[in-house]
Amino acid sequence: MRYALINPNWNFEGSVYFGCRECHFPLELGYSGALLEAAGFDSVIIDAHMEGLSHAEVRERVEEFSPDFIAVTTAPSYLFWRCPPPELKVPLELMEALAGIKARKIIMGPHGSVTPLAAMKKLGADIVVMGEPETVLPEIGRNADSLCKVSSICVNNGGILRVQGGPRATDMASLAALKWPAEYMQRHSHHHHRFGTRPVGLGAEVEASRGCPYSCTFCAKSEFRNNYRKRPLRVVLDELDWLVSNGAGYVYFIDEIFMPDRLLLEALASRNLTFAVQTRIDLWKPEMLVLLGAAGCVSIEAGVESISERGRSLLGKRCAVSTAELVKLLVAARKSVPFVQATLLDSHADDMKEVEAWRSSLMDSGVWANRPVPMFPFPGSEEYSKRWGMPDDYAWERAHEYYLEENRSFSDIQNSKPLPLRELEKI
């Protein structure tokens, strides 16, 4: 069996998407490819975003490889599964371009994980993977003629759509250290979330853990990447050492929540590498923040979300410290790490004049704080379910319509005039 694993060439025009537009390693495709090869299958990663390929060029690559299965992701890397582009515009266009190729089409990503039937109908897929795909894809190959044996998929069987089981969570110990092709590495100059320091070497993304033990209302992870799981330290270090030996000078840990981990930080301190993390600052002690900086961290993205205890409570943050203590920790982190950001969401619980005063005070201490970003009620988040219940086939449209109605202005990293979902998904 042969698999073509495709990361589309993403285009965010007209989107409310507030993630990074740059190219990032499609870790889910890397892991999946490694497990497919270990299972005796052939696979190729076609990263149209990294290579700047048109849909026609992707089709040409696919036809040249002649796969039995084509797997397309609906979010630009694992880094943004929790906050993907709501629309399926780009995957739709790509699937249309791949029409007529005999290989069975597989869709994987947050959309299919939360609303598998809707994703299958929109994209015309044969199979939709629910949850994390790494162990599901080899099972599909082993049971190609009897897909009823495979769980965590939605199958189109002669026009009859059938959901089999629930979303899959991968055993992190099964994921070996990734080794990207040298020419692929050379294309990745982007240093994600790096500001104020001079980039040295190539950039990369790495995963030390997956999932989060918290249940913030805004985070879309209930159907995927939910339970907190760590990769074995030895495997993470093997992957980092390979990246450094192939030109990487900076890595971004895409972990939903980078936990204080003394063994990992001490190991990082002995390597010629700088890195960045996204974390909750309330989990850190001052002495661990010193170690974090000494280990090579140059950027922290700290989820504060709201400047008030009430706002954080409404968002389900379960924050263990007060706002004043958060500020002290942020300022302490800035003494060891060149760039620290306190990320804010618009919780509708904070006075905007107080927010601006808080931001100004924090920035006087060298810590950046963004203007609050409007909160999108992603299907798969508690924010969605408490408004409308369990996601149905209209979930993404419903959330998008609400978002556009509620917000007349958007953050500076979003399109200033986003289009309705139906218009975006029109081919």
Protein backbone atom coordinates (compact mmCIF):
# COMPACT_ATOMS: atom_id res chain seq x y z
CA MET A 1 0.00 0.00 0.00
CA ARG A 2 1.20 3.49 -0.86
CA TYR A 3 0.19 6.71 0.91
CA ALA A 4 0.52 10.28 -0.30
CA LEU A 5 0.38 12.54 2.79
CA ILE A 6 -0.48 16.11 1.81
CA ASN A 7 -0.22 19.42 3.60
CA PRO A 8 -2.09 21.90 1.35
CA ASN A 9 -0.68 25.25 0.25
CA TRP A 10 -2.59 27.35 2.76
CA ASN A 11 -4.24 30.61 1.82
CA PHE A 12 -5.97 32.62 4.56
CA GLU A 13 -7.51 35.42 2.50
CA GLY A 14 -10.87 36.42 3.96
CA SER A 15 -10.39 34.18 7.01
CA VAL A 16 -10.83 34.95 10.72
CA TYR A 17 -7.87 32.60 11.34
CA PHE A 18 -5.49 34.13 13.89
CA GLY A 19 -2.63 31.63 13.72
CA CYS A 20 0.74 32.15 12.06
CA ARG A 21 0.72 32.28 8.25
CA GLU A 22 4.27 30.96 7.84
CA CYS A 23 5.19 27.36 7.01
CA HIS A 24 5.62 24.90 9.87
CA PHE A 25 6.63 21.26 9.97
CA PRO A 26 3.53 19.07 9.48
CA LEU A 27 4.41 16.90 12.46
CA GLU A 28 1.30 14.75 12.13
CA LEU A 29 2.39 13.80 8.60
CA GLY A 30 5.96 13.15 9.74
CA TYR A 31 4.89 10.83 12.54
CA SER A 32 2.33 9.11 10.31
CA GLY A 33 4.86 8.56 7.55
CA ALA A 34 7.32 6.99 9.99
CA LEU A 35 4.71 4.58 11.38
CA LEU A 36 3.51 3.71 7.87
CA GLU A 37 7.06 2.87 6.81
CA ALA A 38 7.55 0.79 9.97
CA ALA A 39 4.38 -1.12 9.07
CA GLY A 40 5.80 -1.95 5.63
CA PHE A 41 3.91 0.66 3.60
CA ASP A 42 5.39 3.26 1.25
CA SER A 43 4.63 6.90 1.90
CA VAL A 44 5.58 10.34 0.67
CA ILE A 45 4.95 13.75 2.24
CA ILE A 46 3.90 16.42 -0.23
CA ASP A 47 4.12 19.70 1.67
CA ALA A 48 2.55 22.12 -0.78
CA HIS A 49 2.76 24.96 1.75
CA MET A 50 6.49 24.58 2.35
CA GLU A 51 7.26 24.16 -1.35
CA GLY A 52 4.73 26.68 -2.65
CA LEU A 53 3.03 24.11 -4.90
CA SER A 54 -0.15 24.86 -6.80
CA HIS A 55 -3.03 22.39 -6.65
CA ALA A 56 -2.12 21.27 -10.19
CA GLU A 57 1.48 20.65 -9.13
CA VAL A 58 0.27 18.62 -6.15
CA ARG A 59 -1.85 16.49 -8.48
CA GLU A 60 1.17 15.92 -10.71
CA ARG A 61 3.23 14.75 -7.71
CA VAL A 62 0.43 12.46 -6.56
CA GLU A 63 -0.03 10.89 -9.99
CA GLU A 64 3.71 10.32 -10.25
CA PHE A 65 3.71 8.49 -6.89
CA SER A 66 0.56 6.49 -7.78
CA PRO A 67 -0.75 5.96 -4.23
CA ASP A 68 -3.51 3.72 -2.95
CA PHE A 69 -4.46 6.34 -0.35
CA ILE A 70 -4.29 10.14 -0.36
CA ALA A 71 -4.43 11.76 3.10
CA VAL A 72 -5.09 15.51 3.36
CA THR A 73 -4.94 17.52 6.57
CA THR A 74 -7.45 20.31 7.31
CA ALA A 75 -5.23 22.46 9.57
CA PRO A 76 -1.76 23.95 8.98
CA SER A 77 0.20 21.62 11.32
CA TYR A 78 -0.58 20.26 14.79
CA LEU A 79 0.40 23.68 16.15
CA PHE A 80 -3.00 25.02 15.06
CA TRP A 81 -5.37 22.10 15.56
CA ARG A 82 -6.86 23.95 18.55
CA CYS A 83 -7.47 27.12 16.52
CA PRO A 84 -7.65 26.12 12.83
CA PRO A 85 -9.10 28.13 9.98
CA PRO A 86 -12.84 27.47 10.45
CA GLU A 87 -13.35 27.22 6.71
CA LEU A 88 -12.38 24.23 4.55
CA LYS A 89 -11.70 26.42 1.51
CA VAL A 90 -8.17 25.22 0.78
CA PRO A 91 -8.79 21.49 1.39
CA LEU A 92 -11.93 21.77 -0.76
CA GLU A 93 -9.99 23.26 -3.63
CA LEU A 94 -7.29 20.63 -3.31
CA MET A 95 -9.78 17.75 -3.20
CA GLU A 96 -11.43 19.13 -6.32
CA ALA A 97 -8.02 19.23 -8.03
CA LEU A 98 -7.42 15.58 -7.05
CA ALA A 99 -10.79 14.40 -8.40
CA GLY A 100 -10.57 11.41 -10.72
CA ILE A 101 -7.46 9.89 -9.14
CA LYS A 102 -8.41 6.34 -8.16
CA ALA A 103 -6.74 6.39 -4.76
CA ARG A 104 -9.05 6.50 -1.76
CA LYS A 105 -9.17 9.96 -0.17
CA ILE A 106 -8.58 10.33 3.58
CA ILE A 107 -9.23 13.51 5.55
CA MET A 108 -7.64 14.14 8.94
CA GLY A 109 -7.63 17.13 11.24
CA PRO A 110 -9.81 18.99 13.75
CA HIS A 111 -12.81 19.39 11.44
CA GLY A 112 -13.23 15.67 10.85
CA SER A 113 -12.45 14.90 14.48
CA VAL A 114 -15.34 17.03 15.75
CA THR A 115 -17.81 16.81 12.85
CA PRO A 116 -16.81 13.76 10.77
CA LEU A 117 -20.01 13.53 8.74
CA ALA A 118 -19.96 17.21 7.79
CA ALA A 119 -16.28 17.01 6.80
CA MET A 120 -16.89 13.92 4.70
CA LYS A 121 -19.87 15.47 2.90
CA LYS A 122 -18.09 18.76 2.20
CA LEU A 123 -14.83 17.26 1.03
CA GLY A 124 -16.12 14.18 -0.76
CA ALA A 125 -13.70 11.95 1.15
CA ASP A 126 -13.85 8.16 1.35
CA ILE A 127 -12.50 8.05 4.90
CA VAL A 128 -12.32 10.64 7.70
CA VAL A 129 -9.94 10.07 10.60
CA MET A 130 -11.27 11.14 13.99
CA GLY A 131 -8.60 12.31 16.39
CA GLU A 132 -4.85 11.78 16.05
CA PRO A 133 -4.03 9.95 12.81
CA GLU A 134 -0.64 8.31 13.40
CA THR A 135 -1.83 4.83 14.39
CA VAL A 136 -5.07 4.98 12.42
CA LEU A 137 -3.47 5.27 8.97
CA PRO A 138 -1.51 1.98 9.18
CA GLU A 139 -4.66 0.21 10.40
CA ILE A 140 -6.50 1.46 7.33
CA GLY A 141 -3.80 -0.07 5.13
CA ARG A 142 -3.85 -3.39 6.98
CA ASN A 143 -7.63 -3.55 6.67
CA ALA A 144 -8.08 -1.93 3.28
CA ASP A 145 -10.67 -4.53 2.26
CA SER A 146 -12.41 -4.65 5.66
CA LEU A 147 -12.51 -1.11 7.02
CA CYS A 148 -15.27 -2.14 9.43
CA LYS A 149 -12.43 -3.43 11.64
CA VAL A 150 -10.88 0.03 11.98
CA SER A 151 -12.02 2.35 14.76
CA SER A 152 -11.80 6.16 14.90
CA ILE A 153 -12.88 6.63 11.30
CA CYS A 154 -15.93 7.67 9.34
CA VAL A 155 -16.40 5.65 6.16
CA ASN A 156 -18.32 6.32 2.97
CA ASN A 157 -19.55 2.90 1.91
CA GLY A 158 -21.41 3.30 -1.35
CA GLY A 159 -23.06 6.52 -0.21
CA ILE A 160 -23.81 5.22 3.27
CA LEU A 161 -21.79 7.16 5.84
CA ARG A 162 -20.82 5.24 8.96
CA VAL A 163 -18.99 6.53 12.07
CA GLN A 164 -16.85 3.85 13.74
CA GLY A 165 -15.80 4.53 17.32
CA GLY A 166 -14.58 7.82 18.75
CA PRO A 167 -11.51 10.03 18.31
CA ARG A 168 -8.11 8.33 18.64
CA ALA A 169 -5.36 9.36 21.07
CA THR A 170 -1.86 8.22 20.11
CA ASP A 171 0.50 6.48 22.52
CA MET A 172 3.34 9.01 22.51
CA ALA A 173 5.92 6.31 23.19
CA SER A 174 5.17 4.91 19.72
CA LEU A 175 6.43 8.05 17.97
CA ALA A 176 10.10 7.84 17.05
CA ALA A 177 12.40 10.83 16.58
CA LEU A 178 11.57 12.56 13.30
CA LYS A 179 14.27 13.00 10.69
CA TRP A 180 13.21 15.39 7.95
CA PRO A 181 14.93 15.31 4.52
CA ALA A 182 17.90 17.69 4.31
CA GLU A 183 16.38 19.68 1.44
CA TYR A 184 13.19 20.02 3.48
CA MET A 185 15.12 21.39 6.43
CA GLN A 186 16.77 24.01 4.25
CA ARG A 187 13.39 25.46 3.32
CA HIS A 188 12.43 26.08 6.94
CA SER A 189 14.01 29.40 7.87
CA HIS A 190 11.01 30.58 9.91
CA HIS A 191 11.53 30.98 13.67
CA HIS A 192 8.01 30.77 15.08
CA HIS A 193 7.12 33.34 17.74
CA ARG A 194 10.62 34.78 17.90
CA PHE A 195 10.96 38.52 18.43
CA GLY A 196 13.72 40.85 19.53
CA THR A 197 16.67 38.49 19.10
CA ARG A 198 18.68 37.73 15.98
CA PRO A 199 17.71 34.40 14.36
CA VAL A 200 20.63 31.99 14.01
CA GLY A 201 20.31 28.81 11.97
CA LEU A 202 17.24 27.15 10.59
CA GLY A 203 13.97 26.88 12.49
CA ALA A 204 11.96 23.80 13.40
CA GLU A 205 8.94 22.68 15.40
CA VAL A 206 9.11 19.90 17.98
CA GLU A 207 6.64 18.18 20.28
CA ALA A 208 7.73 17.14 23.80
CA SER A 209 4.20 16.48 25.04
CA ARG A 210 0.64 16.44 23.76
CA GLY A 211 -2.64 17.43 25.30
CA CYS A 212 -3.41 19.49 28.39
CA PRO A 213 -4.81 18.59 31.83
CA TYR A 214 -6.83 21.83 31.92
CA SER A 215 -10.23 22.48 30.33
CA CYS A 216 -10.34 26.15 29.40
CA THR A 217 -13.61 26.97 27.69
CA PHE A 218 -12.02 28.49 24.56
CA CYS A 219 -9.69 25.60 23.72
CA ALA A 220 -10.95 23.23 21.01
CA LYS A 221 -9.44 19.97 22.12
CA SER A 222 -12.21 17.85 23.62
CA GLU A 223 -12.24 15.50 20.62
CA PHE A 224 -8.50 15.40 19.97
CA ARG A 225 -5.18 16.12 21.70
CA ASN A 226 -6.95 16.18 25.05
CA ASN A 227 -5.24 14.05 27.71
CA TYR A 228 -1.75 15.19 28.70
CA ARG A 229 0.95 12.77 27.50
CA LYS A 230 4.74 13.16 27.38
CA ARG A 231 7.08 11.78 24.75
CA PRO A 232 10.02 9.84 26.19
CA LEU A 233 12.84 12.26 26.99
CA ARG A 234 15.39 10.18 25.09
CA VAL A 235 13.32 10.38 21.90
CA VAL A 236 12.85 14.15 22.20
CA LEU A 237 16.60 14.65 22.68
CA ASP A 238 17.40 12.37 19.73
CA GLU A 239 15.12 14.47 17.55
CA LEU A 240 16.64 17.73 18.81
CA ASP A 241 20.19 16.46 18.24
CA TRP A 242 19.32 15.45 14.69
CA LEU A 243 17.79 18.86 14.01
CA VAL A 244 20.89 20.66 15.37
CA SER A 245 23.22 18.46 13.31
CA ASN A 246 21.20 19.41 10.21
CA GLY A 247 21.34 23.15 10.71
CA ALA A 248 18.58 24.00 13.18
CA GLY A 249 19.49 26.76 15.60
CA TYR A 250 15.99 27.29 16.99
CA VAL A 251 13.01 25.10 17.80
CA TYR A 252 9.49 25.94 18.89
CA PHE A 253 7.83 23.45 21.23
CA ILE A 254 4.27 23.18 19.95
CA ASP A 255 3.09 21.53 23.20
CA GLU A 256 -0.33 22.80 24.23
CA ILE A 257 1.23 23.43 27.60
CA PHE A 258 5.01 23.27 28.11
CA MET A 259 5.33 22.06 31.68
CA PRO A 260 8.27 22.81 34.02
CA ASP A 261 10.52 19.80 33.41
CA ARG A 262 13.91 19.98 35.08
CA LEU A 263 15.41 16.99 33.25
CA LEU A 264 14.44 18.35 29.83
CA LEU A 265 15.65 21.87 30.65
CA GLU A 266 18.98 20.62 31.99
CA ALA A 267 19.45 18.55 28.82
CA LEU A 268 18.59 21.56 26.64
CA ALA A 269 21.13 23.71 28.50
CA SER A 270 23.94 21.47 27.26
CA ARG A 271 22.94 21.84 23.60
CA ASN A 272 23.72 24.60 21.12
CA LEU A 273 20.10 25.53 20.63
CA THR A 274 17.61 28.29 21.37
CA PHE A 275 13.92 27.58 21.73
CA ALA A 276 10.47 28.98 22.54
CA VAL A 277 7.47 27.64 24.41
CA GLN A 278 3.80 28.25 25.04
CA THR A 279 2.84 27.72 28.66
CA ARG A 280 0.87 28.84 31.72
CA ILE A 281 3.08 31.14 33.75
CA ASP A 282 1.21 30.24 36.97
CA LEU A 283 2.76 26.74 36.83
CA TRP A 284 6.31 28.09 37.15
CA LYS A 285 8.41 28.96 40.19
CA PRO A 286 11.01 31.77 39.91
CA GLU A 287 13.94 29.34 40.14
CA MET A 288 12.52 27.24 37.28
CA LEU A 289 12.12 30.38 35.16
CA VAL A 290 15.84 31.04 35.70
CA LEU A 291 16.58 27.49 34.52
CA LEU A 292 14.26 27.99 31.54
CA GLY A 293 16.29 30.99 30.41
CA ALA A 294 19.62 29.25 31.08
CA ALA A 295 18.46 26.30 28.98
CA GLY A 296 18.20 28.55 25.92
CA CYS A 297 14.61 29.78 25.92
CA VAL A 298 14.33 33.09 24.06
CA SER A 299 10.53 33.41 23.81
CA ILE A 300 7.59 32.59 26.06
CA GLU A 301 3.96 32.76 24.99
CA ALA A 302 2.12 32.75 28.32
CA GLY A 303 -1.63 32.27 28.26
CA VAL A 304 -3.08 34.80 30.70
CA GLU A 305 -6.33 35.36 28.75
CA SER A 306 -7.93 37.83 31.18
CA ILE A 307 -6.57 40.48 33.55
CA SER A 308 -9.17 39.64 36.21
CA GLU A 309 -9.84 36.63 38.39
CA ARG A 310 -13.48 36.77 37.28
CA GLY A 311 -12.54 36.74 33.60
CA ARG A 312 -10.18 33.81 34.03
CA SER A 313 -12.82 31.94 36.03
CA LEU A 314 -15.38 32.45 33.25
CA LEU A 315 -12.86 30.98 30.83
CA GLY A 316 -12.29 27.95 33.04
CA LYS A 317 -8.60 28.76 33.55
CA ARG A 318 -8.39 27.34 37.11
CA CYS A 319 -5.55 29.78 37.69
CA ALA A 320 -3.74 29.11 40.94
CA VAL A 321 -2.50 32.67 41.55
CA SER A 322 -3.82 36.25 41.55
CA THR A 323 -3.37 38.78 38.77
CA ALA A 324 -0.69 40.56 40.79
CA GLU A 325 1.21 37.27 41.20
CA LEU A 326 0.89 36.58 37.47
CA VAL A 327 2.51 39.95 36.78
CA LYS A 328 5.37 39.15 39.16
CA LEU A 329 5.99 35.84 37.41
CA LEU A 330 5.87 37.44 33.96
CA VAL A 331 8.37 40.12 35.01
CA ALA A 332 10.58 37.47 36.64
CA ALA A 333 10.51 35.44 33.41
CA ARG A 334 11.56 38.51 31.43
CA LYS A 335 14.75 38.75 33.50
CA SER A 336 15.86 35.38 32.10
CA VAL A 337 14.13 35.23 28.70
CA PRO A 338 14.51 37.96 26.02
CA PHE A 339 10.85 37.95 24.91
CA VAL A 340 7.83 37.24 27.08
CA GLN A 341 4.23 37.68 25.91
CA ALA A 342 1.11 37.63 28.03
CA THR A 343 -1.63 36.54 25.64
CA LEU A 344 -5.09 38.01 26.15
CA LEU A 345 -8.51 37.00 24.88
CA ASP A 346 -11.62 39.15 24.91
CA SER A 347 -13.53 37.48 27.73
CA HIS A 348 -16.17 40.27 27.79
CA ALA A 349 -15.48 40.45 31.53
CA ASP A 350 -12.77 43.11 31.56
CA ASP A 351 -13.03 46.87 31.19
CA MET A 352 -11.04 47.86 28.10
CA LYS A 353 -9.58 50.95 29.77
CA GLU A 354 -8.29 48.76 32.59
CA VAL A 355 -6.91 46.29 30.06
CA GLU A 356 -4.98 49.05 28.27
CA ALA A 357 -3.60 50.36 31.56
CA TRP A 358 -2.55 46.81 32.52
CA ARG A 359 -0.90 46.27 29.14
CA SER A 360 0.94 49.57 29.36
CA SER A 361 2.23 48.82 32.85
CA LEU A 362 3.39 45.35 31.82
CA MET A 363 5.13 46.64 28.70
CA ASP A 364 6.96 49.21 30.82
CA SER A 365 8.47 46.19 32.57
CA GLY A 366 9.55 44.68 29.25
CA VAL A 367 6.72 42.14 28.89
CA TRP A 368 4.58 42.30 25.75
CA ALA A 369 0.81 41.92 26.07
CA ASN A 370 -1.40 41.79 22.98
CA ARG A 371 -4.72 43.55 22.61
CA PRO A 372 -7.43 41.03 23.50
CA VAL A 373 -8.28 38.77 20.57
CA PRO A 374 -11.98 38.06 19.91
CA MET A 375 -12.71 34.53 21.09
CA PHE A 376 -13.96 32.11 18.43
CA PRO A 377 -16.33 29.41 19.78
CA PHE A 378 -14.64 26.48 18.05
CA PRO A 379 -16.67 23.29 17.71
CA GLY A 380 -14.99 20.91 20.13
CA SER A 381 -14.59 23.61 22.77
CA GLU A 382 -16.64 24.07 25.93
CA GLU A 383 -17.42 27.58 24.70
CA TYR A 384 -19.28 26.05 21.77
CA SER A 385 -21.06 23.30 23.70
CA LYS A 386 -22.36 25.58 26.45
CA ARG A 387 -23.98 27.79 23.79
CA TRP A 388 -25.36 25.21 21.38
CA GLY A 389 -24.78 21.72 22.74
CA MET A 390 -22.92 18.98 20.90
CA PRO A 391 -21.57 19.98 17.45
CA ASP A 392 -23.73 18.92 14.52
CA ASP A 393 -23.20 19.15 10.75
CA TYR A 394 -23.82 22.92 10.86
CA ALA A 395 -21.48 23.57 13.78
CA TRP A 396 -18.72 25.43 11.94
CA GLU A 397 -21.17 27.66 10.08
CA ARG A 398 -23.05 28.41 13.30
CA ALA A 399 -19.90 29.36 15.19
CA HIS A 400 -18.61 31.47 12.30
CA GLU A 401 -21.89 33.36 11.87
CA TYR A 402 -21.98 34.11 15.60
CA TYR A 403 -18.38 35.32 15.54
CA LEU A 404 -18.98 37.73 12.66
CA GLU A 405 -22.19 39.03 14.24
CA GLU A 406 -20.59 39.59 17.65
CA ASN A 407 -17.43 41.32 16.43
CA ARG A 408 -17.24 44.44 14.34
CA SER A 409 -13.45 44.65 14.53
CA PHE A 410 -10.78 41.99 14.64
CA SER A 411 -7.19 41.60 15.79
CA ASP A 412 -4.31 42.85 13.67
CA ILE A 413 -3.38 39.28 12.73
CA GLN A 414 -6.81 38.58 11.23
CA ASN A 415 -8.37 39.72 7.99
CA SER A 416 -10.04 43.06 8.68
CA LYS A 417 -13.06 42.12 6.56
CA PRO A 418 -13.56 38.36 6.89
CA LEU A 419 -16.01 36.64 4.56
CA PRO A 420 -18.91 34.37 5.54
CA LEU A 421 -18.03 30.68 5.72
CA ARG A 422 -20.30 29.70 2.84
CA GLU A 423 -18.63 32.26 0.59
CA LEU A 424 -15.15 31.10 1.59
CA GLU A 425 -16.01 27.47 0.87
CA LYS A 426 -17.49 28.20 -2.53
CA ILE A 427 -15.33 26.73 -5.30
